[in-house]
Amino acid sequence: MDLAGKTVLLTGGTGSFGHAFVTYVLERWPTATIRIFSRDELKQFEMEKRFDSDQLRFFIGDVRNRSRLLRAMKGSDLVVHAAAMKHVGACEYNPFEAVQTNVLGGQHVVDCAIDAGVSQVVALSTDKAVNPVNLYGATKLCAEKIITQGNNYAAQHETRLACVRYGNVVGSRGSVVPLFEKMVESGQPLTITDPRMSRFWIKLEQAVELVMYAFDNMRGGEVFVPRLPSMRVSDLAEAMAPGRQTEIVGIRPGEKLHEQMITADEARHTIQVGDVYVVLPESHEWDKGTEWSGQPMPDGFEYISGDNDWWLEAGDLAQMLS
């Protein structure tokens, strides 16, 4: 995807992904414009100072507010939808707040993109949307369905929408890496929920590249899932603080022992294209006649972190963290 001369609206743009996306674009396309749409004025101020670029525009707003989102989206060519409530505990304690942001906000993105004549929308999803066991995952599953099936509403328009779904981001705000770093600095034992626990891991730049891949290859309605390595939380602790004492604290409410990114039911309409799995829409009235080419997944295939054939060892993790 060539972003030269294009305008991209980035919802939730002041987060970890937003900073990585802006860095990626500014380094490659000096004529691209990025509109940062978010609700935290302090984070916008800090981001504006950090990048100091006339390619950035800052819009205070919330995806819950349809009219404000539409105003910000007018004239945009592409939309990256990264805004969400992501903290599992906060979503459990404030369930309807999570619904308003993650579910209703997703519907507003669909409606506004169609009304504003945006050509492509890519929304960020999460492994927690697969067989969800907490409200955060459930709202992201709803959001995935709203985005992918939003193509039905857009069928007579040029707008096409798709999702990317990936695992835990190394070093992102709220992840275990910054938590472990604080524990290392303070000399505390590292707290581990369960030594068997495994997770998929991705670097921020890989997440940005996946979004760009989606823009390049989407027809509408797909969920793009990267092939990623797994890691055990106990290995992460050893990589960050070799020999440091650990404390087992037990799995928290709403946590899984292993993460899943593709179910056996989804595998029936999933293909592998290089290092990316593409979950194809089961119905795509908006784009009949367009066929994907790739390797169909075998019957019963599931993509689960605990059953992965690609694992990060302590040395790999240390290199990834650096």
C-alpha atoms as a PDB file:
ATOM      1  CA  MET A   1       0.000   0.000   0.000  1.00  0.00           C
ATOM      2  CA  ASP A   2       1.412   3.336  -1.110  1.00  0.00           C
ATOM      3  CA  LEU A   3       0.271   6.069   1.276  1.00  0.00           C
ATOM      4  CA  ALA A   4       1.800   8.933  -0.703  1.00  0.00           C
ATOM      5  CA  GLY A   5      -0.680  11.793  -0.744  1.00  0.00           C
ATOM      6  CA  LYS A   6      -3.271   9.836   1.228  1.00  0.00           C
ATOM      7  CA  THR A   7      -5.047  10.734   4.469  1.00  0.00           C
ATOM      8  CA  VAL A   8      -5.351   8.076   7.169  1.00  0.00           C
ATOM      9  CA  LEU A   9      -7.615   8.372  10.203  1.00  0.00           C
ATOM     10  CA  LEU A  10      -6.262   6.456  13.195  1.00  0.00           C
ATOM     11  CA  THR A  11      -8.719   5.935  16.048  1.00  0.00           C
ATOM     12  CA  GLY A  12      -7.132   5.415  19.442  1.00  0.00           C
ATOM     13  CA  GLY A  13      -4.058   6.896  17.856  1.00  0.00           C
ATOM     14  CA  THR A  14      -2.143   7.841  21.008  1.00  0.00           C
ATOM     15  CA  GLY A  15      -1.648   4.240  22.145  1.00  0.00           C
ATOM     16  CA  SER A  16       1.372   1.990  21.648  1.00  0.00           C
ATOM     17  CA  PHE A  17       0.184   0.884  18.215  1.00  0.00           C
ATOM     18  CA  GLY A  18      -0.526   4.475  17.205  1.00  0.00           C
ATOM     19  CA  HIS A  19       3.019   5.598  17.988  1.00  0.00           C
ATOM     20  CA  ALA A  20       4.454   2.666  16.029  1.00  0.00           C
ATOM     21  CA  PHE A  21       2.123   3.293  13.083  1.00  0.00           C
ATOM     22  CA  VAL A  22       2.947   7.001  12.931  1.00  0.00           C
ATOM     23  CA  THR A  23       6.689   6.244  13.062  1.00  0.00           C
ATOM     24  CA  TYR A  24       6.308   3.722  10.235  1.00  0.00           C
ATOM     25  CA  VAL A  25       4.370   6.114   7.989  1.00  0.00           C
ATOM     26  CA  LEU A  26       6.479   9.217   8.612  1.00  0.00           C
ATOM     27  CA  GLU A  27       9.655   7.314   7.730  1.00  0.00           C
ATOM     28  CA  ARG A  28       8.248   6.220   4.356  1.00  0.00           C
ATOM     29  CA  TRP A  29       5.708   8.739   3.025  1.00  0.00           C
ATOM     30  CA  PRO A  30       6.489  12.446   3.498  1.00  0.00           C
ATOM     31  CA  THR A  31       3.260  13.439   1.751  1.00  0.00           C
ATOM     32  CA  ALA A  32       0.898  11.257   3.810  1.00  0.00           C
ATOM     33  CA  THR A  33      -1.374  12.821   6.434  1.00  0.00           C
ATOM     34  CA  ILE A  34      -2.398  11.032   9.629  1.00  0.00           C
ATOM     35  CA  ARG A  35      -5.377  12.156  11.663  1.00  0.00           C
ATOM     36  CA  ILE A  36      -5.075  11.091  15.296  1.00  0.00           C
ATOM     37  CA  PHE A  37      -8.532  10.589  16.792  1.00  0.00           C
ATOM     38  CA  SER A  38      -8.615   9.986  20.554  1.00  0.00           C
ATOM     39  CA  ARG A  39     -10.121  11.314  23.760  1.00  0.00           C
ATOM     40  CA  ASP A  40      -7.052  12.091  25.908  1.00  0.00           C
ATOM     41  CA  GLU A  41      -5.792  15.629  25.318  1.00  0.00           C
ATOM     42  CA  LEU A  42      -2.626  15.105  27.402  1.00  0.00           C
ATOM     43  CA  LYS A  43      -1.561  12.085  25.361  1.00  0.00           C
ATOM     44  CA  GLN A  44      -2.241  14.029  22.170  1.00  0.00           C
ATOM     45  CA  PHE A  45      -0.149  16.938  23.439  1.00  0.00           C
ATOM     46  CA  GLU A  46       2.727  14.599  24.316  1.00  0.00           C
ATOM     47  CA  MET A  47       2.486  12.830  20.964  1.00  0.00           C
ATOM     48  CA  GLU A  48       2.459  16.120  19.079  1.00  0.00           C
ATOM     49  CA  LYS A  49       5.621  17.211  20.892  1.00  0.00           C
ATOM     50  CA  ARG A  50       7.319  13.868  20.323  1.00  0.00           C
ATOM     51  CA  PHE A  51       6.846  13.772  16.548  1.00  0.00           C
ATOM     52  CA  ASP A  52       6.758  17.524  15.806  1.00  0.00           C
ATOM     53  CA  SER A  53       5.451  16.846  12.282  1.00  0.00           C
ATOM     54  CA  ASP A  54       3.096  18.834  10.079  1.00  0.00           C
ATOM     55  CA  GLN A  55       1.886  15.496   8.665  1.00  0.00           C
ATOM     56  CA  LEU A  56      -0.121  14.896  11.850  1.00  0.00           C
ATOM     57  CA  ARG A  57      -3.550  16.268  12.692  1.00  0.00           C
ATOM     58  CA  PHE A  58      -5.098  15.844  16.135  1.00  0.00           C
ATOM     59  CA  PHE A  59      -8.828  15.405  16.759  1.00  0.00           C
ATOM     60  CA  ILE A  60     -10.223  15.159  20.275  1.00  0.00           C
ATOM     61  CA  GLY A  61     -13.132  12.754  20.171  1.00  0.00           C
ATOM     62  CA  ASP A  62     -14.552   9.394  21.165  1.00  0.00           C
ATOM     63  CA  VAL A  63     -15.736   6.568  18.893  1.00  0.00           C
ATOM     64  CA  ARG A  64     -18.889   6.534  21.013  1.00  0.00           C
ATOM     65  CA  ASN A  65     -19.744   9.929  19.474  1.00  0.00           C
ATOM     66  CA  ARG A  66     -20.876   9.187  15.930  1.00  0.00           C
ATOM     67  CA  SER A  67     -21.220  12.775  14.729  1.00  0.00           C
ATOM     68  CA  ARG A  68     -17.744  13.756  15.926  1.00  0.00           C
ATOM     69  CA  LEU A  69     -16.230  10.625  14.382  1.00  0.00           C
ATOM     70  CA  LEU A  70     -17.916  11.365  11.060  1.00  0.00           C
ATOM     71  CA  ARG A  71     -16.592  14.937  11.110  1.00  0.00           C
ATOM     72  CA  ALA A  72     -13.047  13.676  11.689  1.00  0.00           C
ATOM     73  CA  MET A  73     -13.381  10.962   9.044  1.00  0.00           C
ATOM     74  CA  LYS A  74     -14.595  13.204   6.214  1.00  0.00           C
ATOM     75  CA  GLY A  75     -11.948  13.392   3.498  1.00  0.00           C
ATOM     76  CA  SER A  76      -9.989  10.384   4.767  1.00  0.00           C
ATOM     77  CA  ASP A  77      -8.894   7.696   2.332  1.00  0.00           C
ATOM     78  CA  LEU A  78      -8.198   4.952   4.874  1.00  0.00           C
ATOM     79  CA  VAL A  79      -9.119   4.199   8.493  1.00  0.00           C
ATOM     80  CA  VAL A  80      -7.175   2.181  11.049  1.00  0.00           C
ATOM     81  CA  HIS A  81      -9.484   1.437  13.966  1.00  0.00           C
ATOM     82  CA  ALA A  82      -7.364   0.880  17.082  1.00  0.00           C
ATOM     83  CA  ALA A  83      -9.574   2.515  19.737  1.00  0.00           C
ATOM     84  CA  ALA A  84     -10.800   0.113  22.406  1.00  0.00           C
ATOM     85  CA  MET A  85     -11.129  -0.584  26.081  1.00  0.00           C
ATOM     86  CA  LYS A  86      -8.504  -3.298  26.503  1.00  0.00           C
ATOM     87  CA  HIS A  87      -7.955  -3.900  30.210  1.00  0.00           C
ATOM     88  CA  VAL A  88      -9.643  -7.177  31.162  1.00  0.00           C
ATOM     89  CA  GLY A  89     -10.339  -6.128  34.748  1.00  0.00           C
ATOM     90  CA  ALA A  90     -11.701  -2.712  33.789  1.00  0.00           C
ATOM     91  CA  CYS A  91     -14.052  -4.283  31.243  1.00  0.00           C
ATOM     92  CA  GLU A  92     -15.317  -6.809  33.810  1.00  0.00           C
ATOM     93  CA  TYR A  93     -15.985  -4.079  36.372  1.00  0.00           C
ATOM     94  CA  ASN A  94     -17.478  -1.625  33.849  1.00  0.00           C
ATOM     95  CA  PRO A  95     -19.203  -3.928  31.362  1.00  0.00           C
ATOM     96  CA  PHE A  96     -21.463  -1.497  29.560  1.00  0.00           C
ATOM     97  CA  GLU A  97     -18.655   1.027  29.212  1.00  0.00           C
ATOM     98  CA  ALA A  98     -16.729  -1.679  27.340  1.00  0.00           C
ATOM     99  CA  VAL A  99     -19.790  -2.402  25.188  1.00  0.00           C
ATOM    100  CA  GLN A 100     -20.223   1.260  24.304  1.00  0.00           C
ATOM    101  CA  THR A 101     -16.588   1.666  23.239  1.00  0.00           C
ATOM    102  CA  ASN A 102     -15.799  -1.698  21.678  1.00  0.00           C
ATOM    103  CA  VAL A 103     -19.168  -2.689  20.211  1.00  0.00           C
ATOM    104  CA  LEU A 104     -21.111   0.505  19.561  1.00  0.00           C
ATOM    105  CA  GLY A 105     -17.857   2.273  18.675  1.00  0.00           C
ATOM    106  CA  GLY A 106     -17.192  -0.397  16.051  1.00  0.00           C
ATOM    107  CA  GLN A 107     -20.640   0.145  14.557  1.00  0.00           C
ATOM    108  CA  HIS A 108     -19.973   3.897  14.410  1.00  0.00           C
ATOM    109  CA  VAL A 109     -16.724   3.247  12.523  1.00  0.00           C
ATOM    110  CA  VAL A 110     -18.638   1.194   9.935  1.00  0.00           C
ATOM    111  CA  ASP A 111     -21.422   3.766   9.533  1.00  0.00           C
ATOM    112  CA  CYS A 112     -19.071   6.746   9.347  1.00  0.00           C
ATOM    113  CA  ALA A 113     -16.703   5.078   6.899  1.00  0.00           C
ATOM    114  CA  ILE A 114     -19.580   4.373   4.505  1.00  0.00           C
ATOM    115  CA  ASP A 115     -21.058   7.871   4.882  1.00  0.00           C
ATOM    116  CA  ALA A 116     -17.635   9.523   4.478  1.00  0.00           C
ATOM    117  CA  GLY A 117     -16.749   7.476   1.395  1.00  0.00           C
ATOM    118  CA  VAL A 118     -13.634   5.913   2.948  1.00  0.00           C
ATOM    119  CA  SER A 119     -12.193   3.251   0.651  1.00  0.00           C
ATOM    120  CA  GLN A 120     -10.725   0.830   3.212  1.00  0.00           C
ATOM    121  CA  VAL A 121     -10.999   0.185   6.956  1.00  0.00           C
ATOM    122  CA  VAL A 122      -8.771  -2.163   8.957  1.00  0.00           C
ATOM    123  CA  ALA A 123      -9.738  -2.792  12.581  1.00  0.00           C
ATOM    124  CA  LEU A 124      -7.450  -4.236  15.236  1.00  0.00           C
ATOM    125  CA  SER A 125      -8.688  -7.318  17.054  1.00  0.00           C
ATOM    126  CA  THR A 126      -7.149  -9.701  19.571  1.00  0.00           C
ATOM    127  CA  ASP A 127      -6.673 -13.380  20.315  1.00  0.00           C
ATOM    128  CA  LYS A 128      -9.014 -12.831  23.263  1.00  0.00           C
ATOM    129  CA  ALA A 129     -11.905 -12.523  20.796  1.00  0.00           C
ATOM    130  CA  VAL A 130     -11.544 -16.247  20.019  1.00  0.00           C
ATOM    131  CA  ASN A 131     -13.664 -18.436  22.315  1.00  0.00           C
ATOM    132  CA  PRO A 132     -13.830 -15.513  24.771  1.00  0.00           C
ATOM    133  CA  VAL A 133     -13.867 -16.169  28.500  1.00  0.00           C
ATOM    134  CA  ASN A 134     -14.105 -12.515  29.590  1.00  0.00           C
ATOM    135  CA  LEU A 135     -16.143  -9.483  28.625  1.00  0.00           C
ATOM    136  CA  TYR A 136     -13.239  -7.825  26.821  1.00  0.00           C
ATOM    137  CA  GLY A 137     -12.921 -10.807  24.506  1.00  0.00           C
ATOM    138  CA  ALA A 138     -16.689 -10.966  24.009  1.00  0.00           C
ATOM    139  CA  THR A 139     -16.884  -7.312  22.992  1.00  0.00           C
ATOM    140  CA  LYS A 140     -13.976  -7.745  20.573  1.00  0.00           C
ATOM    141  CA  LEU A 141     -15.689 -10.784  19.032  1.00  0.00           C
ATOM    142  CA  CYS A 142     -18.785  -8.620  18.501  1.00  0.00           C
ATOM    143  CA  ALA A 143     -16.599  -5.879  17.047  1.00  0.00           C
ATOM    144  CA  GLU A 144     -14.998  -8.333  14.602  1.00  0.00           C
ATOM    145  CA  LYS A 145     -18.416  -9.436  13.368  1.00  0.00           C
ATOM    146  CA  ILE A 146     -19.619  -5.847  13.069  1.00  0.00           C
ATOM    147  CA  ILE A 147     -16.566  -4.848  11.028  1.00  0.00           C
ATOM    148  CA  THR A 148     -16.443  -7.875   8.727  1.00  0.00           C
ATOM    149  CA  GLN A 149     -20.173  -8.008   8.125  1.00  0.00           C
ATOM    150  CA  GLY A 150     -20.210  -4.236   7.782  1.00  0.00           C
ATOM    151  CA  ASN A 151     -19.371  -4.984   4.165  1.00  0.00           C
ATOM    152  CA  ASN A 152     -23.024  -5.985   3.723  1.00  0.00           C
ATOM    153  CA  TYR A 153     -24.041  -2.420   4.592  1.00  0.00           C
ATOM    154  CA  ALA A 154     -21.343  -1.048   2.297  1.00  0.00           C
ATOM    155  CA  ALA A 155     -22.077  -3.378  -0.623  1.00  0.00           C
ATOM    156  CA  GLN A 156     -23.264  -0.608  -2.953  1.00  0.00           C
ATOM    157  CA  HIS A 157     -20.449   1.703  -1.881  1.00  0.00           C
ATOM    158  CA  GLU A 158     -16.691   1.568  -2.398  1.00  0.00           C
ATOM    159  CA  THR A 159     -15.953   1.044   1.307  1.00  0.00           C
ATOM    160  CA  ARG A 160     -14.447  -2.319   2.265  1.00  0.00           C
ATOM    161  CA  LEU A 161     -13.674  -3.431   5.815  1.00  0.00           C
ATOM    162  CA  ALA A 162     -11.473  -6.140   7.365  1.00  0.00           C
ATOM    163  CA  CYS A 163      -9.782  -7.050  10.658  1.00  0.00           C
ATOM    164  CA  VAL A 164      -6.357  -8.097  11.849  1.00  0.00           C
ATOM    165  CA  ARG A 165      -6.148 -10.409  14.855  1.00  0.00           C
ATOM    166  CA  TYR A 166      -2.912 -10.883  16.769  1.00  0.00           C
ATOM    167  CA  GLY A 167      -1.478 -11.781  20.170  1.00  0.00           C
ATOM    168  CA  ASN A 168       0.199  -9.891  22.982  1.00  0.00           C
ATOM    169  CA  VAL A 169       2.425  -7.000  21.938  1.00  0.00           C
ATOM    170  CA  VAL A 170       5.924  -6.988  23.393  1.00  0.00           C
ATOM    171  CA  GLY A 171       6.380  -3.978  25.662  1.00  0.00           C
ATOM    172  CA  SER A 172       2.994  -2.379  25.027  1.00  0.00           C
ATOM    173  CA  ARG A 173       1.354  -0.425  27.828  1.00  0.00           C
ATOM    174  CA  GLY A 174      -0.442  -2.758  30.222  1.00  0.00           C
ATOM    175  CA  SER A 175       1.479  -5.848  29.118  1.00  0.00           C
ATOM    176  CA  VAL A 176       3.471  -8.085  31.462  1.00  0.00           C
ATOM    177  CA  VAL A 177       6.831  -6.783  30.194  1.00  0.00           C
ATOM    178  CA  PRO A 178       6.617  -3.292  31.791  1.00  0.00           C
ATOM    179  CA  LEU A 179       5.221  -4.953  34.939  1.00  0.00           C
ATOM    180  CA  PHE A 180       8.203  -7.300  35.148  1.00  0.00           C
ATOM    181  CA  GLU A 181      10.583  -4.390  34.491  1.00  0.00           C
ATOM    182  CA  LYS A 182       9.203  -2.527  37.527  1.00  0.00           C
ATOM    183  CA  MET A 183       9.549  -5.642  39.668  1.00  0.00           C
ATOM    184  CA  VAL A 184      13.144  -6.123  38.523  1.00  0.00           C
ATOM    185  CA  GLU A 185      13.991  -2.487  39.335  1.00  0.00           C
ATOM    186  CA  SER A 186      12.436  -2.725  42.793  1.00  0.00           C
ATOM    187  CA  GLY A 187      14.047  -6.079  43.590  1.00  0.00           C
ATOM    188  CA  GLN A 188      10.699  -7.816  44.014  1.00  0.00           C
ATOM    189  CA  PRO A 189      10.109 -11.463  43.101  1.00  0.00           C
ATOM    190  CA  LEU A 190       8.469 -11.775  39.689  1.00  0.00           C
ATOM    191  CA  THR A 191       4.827 -12.811  40.011  1.00  0.00           C
ATOM    192  CA  ILE A 192       3.728 -15.589  37.658  1.00  0.00           C
ATOM    193  CA  THR A 193       0.114 -16.655  37.395  1.00  0.00           C
ATOM    194  CA  ASP A 194       0.869 -20.222  36.252  1.00  0.00           C
ATOM    195  CA  PRO A 195       4.188 -21.652  34.981  1.00  0.00           C
ATOM    196  CA  ARG A 196       2.322 -23.535  32.223  1.00  0.00           C
ATOM    197  CA  MET A 197       0.732 -20.362  30.841  1.00  0.00           C
ATOM    198  CA  SER A 198       1.632 -19.579  27.221  1.00  0.00           C
ATOM    199  CA  ARG A 199       0.968 -16.632  24.954  1.00  0.00           C
ATOM    200  CA  PHE A 200       1.442 -15.572  21.347  1.00  0.00           C
ATOM    201  CA  TRP A 201       3.791 -12.595  21.039  1.00  0.00           C
ATOM    202  CA  ILE A 202       4.257  -9.968  18.351  1.00  0.00           C
ATOM    203  CA  LYS A 203       6.397  -6.851  18.070  1.00  0.00           C
ATOM    204  CA  LEU A 204       4.776  -3.488  17.403  1.00  0.00           C
ATOM    205  CA  GLU A 205       6.418  -3.097  14.014  1.00  0.00           C
ATOM    206  CA  GLN A 206       5.070  -6.519  13.017  1.00  0.00           C
ATOM    207  CA  ALA A 207       1.569  -5.400  14.001  1.00  0.00           C
ATOM    208  CA  VAL A 208       1.916  -2.320  11.784  1.00  0.00           C
ATOM    209  CA  GLU A 209       3.193  -4.437   8.895  1.00  0.00           C
ATOM    210  CA  LEU A 210       0.197  -6.762   9.308  1.00  0.00           C
ATOM    211  CA  VAL A 211      -2.162  -3.795   8.974  1.00  0.00           C
ATOM    212  CA  MET A 212      -0.354  -2.697   5.816  1.00  0.00           C
ATOM    213  CA  TYR A 213      -0.589  -6.260   4.487  1.00  0.00           C
ATOM    214  CA  ALA A 214      -4.333  -6.180   5.116  1.00  0.00           C
ATOM    215  CA  PHE A 215      -4.716  -2.922   3.186  1.00  0.00           C
ATOM    216  CA  ASP A 216      -2.773  -4.426   0.287  1.00  0.00           C
ATOM    217  CA  ASN A 217      -4.664  -7.713   0.127  1.00  0.00           C
ATOM    218  CA  MET A 218      -8.168  -7.317   1.546  1.00  0.00           C
ATOM    219  CA  ARG A 219     -11.287  -7.825  -0.533  1.00  0.00           C
ATOM    220  CA  GLY A 220     -13.535  -7.178   2.455  1.00  0.00           C
ATOM    221  CA  GLY A 221     -14.643  -9.324   5.368  1.00  0.00           C
ATOM    222  CA  GLU A 222     -11.379 -11.111   6.106  1.00  0.00           C
ATOM    223  CA  VAL A 223      -9.622 -11.568   9.428  1.00  0.00           C
ATOM    224  CA  PHE A 224      -5.843 -11.622   8.975  1.00  0.00           C
ATOM    225  CA  VAL A 225      -3.926 -13.669  11.560  1.00  0.00           C
ATOM    226  CA  PRO A 226      -0.096 -13.738  11.536  1.00  0.00           C
ATOM    227  CA  ARG A 227       1.902 -16.864  12.244  1.00  0.00           C
ATOM    228  CA  LEU A 228       3.583 -16.052  15.564  1.00  0.00           C
ATOM    229  CA  PRO A 229       5.858 -17.704  18.106  1.00  0.00           C
ATOM    230  CA  SER A 230       4.584 -18.769  21.493  1.00  0.00           C
ATOM    231  CA  MET A 231       6.240 -18.183  24.843  1.00  0.00           C
ATOM    232  CA  ARG A 232       5.737 -19.317  28.389  1.00  0.00           C
ATOM    233  CA  VAL A 233       5.406 -16.570  30.968  1.00  0.00           C
ATOM    234  CA  SER A 234       7.963 -18.414  33.106  1.00  0.00           C
ATOM    235  CA  ASP A 235      10.467 -18.220  30.214  1.00  0.00           C
ATOM    236  CA  LEU A 236       9.810 -14.501  29.877  1.00  0.00           C
ATOM    237  CA  ALA A 237      10.571 -14.031  33.570  1.00  0.00           C
ATOM    238  CA  GLU A 238      13.829 -15.965  33.187  1.00  0.00           C
ATOM    239  CA  ALA A 239      14.811 -13.944  30.111  1.00  0.00           C
ATOM    240  CA  MET A 240      14.228 -10.634  31.883  1.00  0.00           C
ATOM    241  CA  ALA A 241      15.768 -11.577  35.229  1.00  0.00           C
ATOM    242  CA  PRO A 242      17.868 -14.757  35.087  1.00  0.00           C
ATOM    243  CA  GLY A 243      17.810 -16.583  38.385  1.00  0.00           C
ATOM    244  CA  ARG A 244      15.368 -14.133  39.981  1.00  0.00           C
ATOM    245  CA  GLN A 245      12.958 -15.560  42.527  1.00  0.00           C
ATOM    246  CA  THR A 246       9.396 -15.980  41.247  1.00  0.00           C
ATOM    247  CA  GLU A 247       6.076 -16.205  43.052  1.00  0.00           C
ATOM    248  CA  ILE A 248       3.117 -18.197  41.712  1.00  0.00           C
ATOM    249  CA  VAL A 249      -0.060 -16.163  42.283  1.00  0.00           C
ATOM    250  CA  GLY A 250      -2.652 -18.152  40.320  1.00  0.00           C
ATOM    251  CA  ILE A 251      -4.689 -17.408  37.207  1.00  0.00           C
ATOM    252  CA  ARG A 252      -6.770 -14.271  37.509  1.00  0.00           C
ATOM    253  CA  PRO A 253     -10.515 -14.160  36.701  1.00  0.00           C
ATOM    254  CA  GLY A 254     -11.071 -14.044  32.946  1.00  0.00           C
ATOM    255  CA  GLU A 255      -7.619 -15.390  32.048  1.00  0.00           C
ATOM    256  CA  LYS A 256      -6.862 -18.384  29.855  1.00  0.00           C
ATOM    257  CA  LEU A 257      -4.049 -20.851  30.347  1.00  0.00           C
ATOM    258  CA  HIS A 258      -3.324 -20.762  26.598  1.00  0.00           C
ATOM    259  CA  GLU A 259      -4.436 -18.292  23.948  1.00  0.00           C
ATOM    260  CA  GLN A 260      -6.244 -19.257  20.737  1.00  0.00           C
ATOM    261  CA  MET A 261      -6.269 -17.333  17.458  1.00  0.00           C
ATOM    262  CA  ILE A 262      -8.138 -19.689  15.103  1.00  0.00           C
ATOM    263  CA  THR A 263     -10.847 -22.182  16.061  1.00  0.00           C
ATOM    264  CA  ALA A 264     -11.557 -25.515  14.364  1.00  0.00           C
ATOM    265  CA  ASP A 265     -14.808 -24.061  13.037  1.00  0.00           C
ATOM    266  CA  GLU A 266     -13.003 -21.077  11.524  1.00  0.00           C
ATOM    267  CA  ALA A 267     -10.361 -23.362  10.024  1.00  0.00           C
ATOM    268  CA  ARG A 268     -12.944 -24.651   7.545  1.00  0.00           C
ATOM    269  CA  HIS A 269     -12.864 -21.285   5.811  1.00  0.00           C
ATOM    270  CA  THR A 270      -9.251 -20.324   6.544  1.00  0.00           C
ATOM    271  CA  ILE A 271      -6.300 -20.402   4.162  1.00  0.00           C
ATOM    272  CA  GLN A 272      -2.594 -19.873   4.732  1.00  0.00           C
ATOM    273  CA  VAL A 273      -0.800 -17.368   2.517  1.00  0.00           C
ATOM    274  CA  GLY A 274       2.890 -17.324   3.421  1.00  0.00           C
ATOM    275  CA  ASP A 275       3.152 -16.414   7.107  1.00  0.00           C
ATOM    276  CA  VAL A 276      -0.419 -15.141   7.352  1.00  0.00           C
ATOM    277  CA  TYR A 277      -3.617 -17.089   7.970  1.00  0.00           C
ATOM    278  CA  VAL A 278      -6.640 -15.520   6.277  1.00  0.00           C
ATOM    279  CA  VAL A 279     -10.013 -16.275   7.837  1.00  0.00           C
ATOM    280  CA  LEU A 280     -12.337 -15.753   4.892  1.00  0.00           C
ATOM    281  CA  PRO A 281     -15.908 -14.527   5.257  1.00  0.00           C
ATOM    282  CA  GLU A 282     -18.389 -17.400   5.004  1.00  0.00           C
ATOM    283  CA  SER A 283     -20.713 -15.203   2.993  1.00  0.00           C
ATOM    284  CA  HIS A 284     -19.560 -12.319   0.844  1.00  0.00           C
ATOM    285  CA  GLU A 285     -22.431 -11.070  -1.262  1.00  0.00           C
ATOM    286  CA  TRP A 286     -20.579  -7.774  -1.627  1.00  0.00           C
ATOM    287  CA  ASP A 287     -17.716  -9.314  -3.618  1.00  0.00           C
ATOM    288  CA  LYS A 288     -18.931 -12.333  -5.560  1.00  0.00           C
ATOM    289  CA  GLY A 289     -16.525 -13.776  -8.079  1.00  0.00           C
ATOM    290  CA  THR A 290     -13.380 -12.755  -6.225  1.00  0.00           C
ATOM    291  CA  GLU A 291     -11.416 -15.774  -5.037  1.00  0.00           C
ATOM    292  CA  TRP A 292      -8.457 -16.009  -2.678  1.00  0.00           C
ATOM    293  CA  SER A 293      -5.615 -18.392  -3.506  1.00  0.00           C
ATOM    294  CA  GLY A 294      -3.816 -20.099  -0.645  1.00  0.00           C
ATOM    295  CA  GLN A 295      -3.364 -23.355   1.243  1.00  0.00           C
ATOM    296  CA  PRO A 296      -6.624 -24.542   2.876  1.00  0.00           C
ATOM    297  CA  MET A 297      -6.241 -25.582   6.485  1.00  0.00           C
ATOM    298  CA  PRO A 298      -6.672 -29.250   7.367  1.00  0.00           C
ATOM    299  CA  ASP A 299      -9.870 -30.399   9.015  1.00  0.00           C
ATOM    300  CA  GLY A 300      -9.735 -29.850  12.764  1.00  0.00           C
ATOM    301  CA  PHE A 301      -6.889 -27.317  12.621  1.00  0.00           C
ATOM    302  CA  GLU A 302      -6.701 -24.993  15.623  1.00  0.00           C
ATOM    303  CA  TYR A 303      -4.158 -22.271  16.290  1.00  0.00           C
ATOM    304  CA  ILE A 304      -3.418 -22.343  20.020  1.00  0.00           C
ATOM    305  CA  SER A 305      -0.352 -20.972  21.788  1.00  0.00           C
ATOM    306  CA  GLY A 306       0.127 -24.121  23.862  1.00  0.00           C
ATOM    307  CA  ASP A 307       0.139 -26.381  20.774  1.00  0.00           C
ATOM    308  CA  ASN A 308       2.299 -24.152  18.599  1.00  0.00           C
ATOM    309  CA  ASP A 309       5.286 -25.546  16.654  1.00  0.00           C
ATOM    310  CA  TRP A 310       7.253 -22.293  17.102  1.00  0.00           C
ATOM    311  CA  TRP A 311       8.517 -21.396  20.576  1.00  0.00           C
ATOM    312  CA  LEU A 312      10.705 -18.584  21.837  1.00  0.00           C
ATOM    313  CA  GLU A 313      13.516 -19.559  24.161  1.00  0.00           C
ATOM    314  CA  ALA A 314      15.011 -17.239  26.777  1.00  0.00           C
ATOM    315  CA  GLY A 315      17.695 -15.990  24.357  1.00  0.00           C
ATOM    316  CA  ASP A 316      15.109 -15.291  21.644  1.00  0.00           C
ATOM    317  CA  LEU A 317      12.994 -13.381  24.140  1.00  0.00           C
ATOM    318  CA  ALA A 318      15.931 -11.292  25.320  1.00  0.00           C
ATOM    319  CA  GLN A 319      16.730 -10.361  21.717  1.00  0.00           C
ATOM    320  CA  MET A 320      13.070  -9.531  21.051  1.00  0.00           C
ATOM    321  CA  LEU A 321      12.898  -7.332  24.146  1.00  0.00           C
ATOM    322  CA  SER A 322      16.031  -5.418  23.158  1.00  0.00           C
END
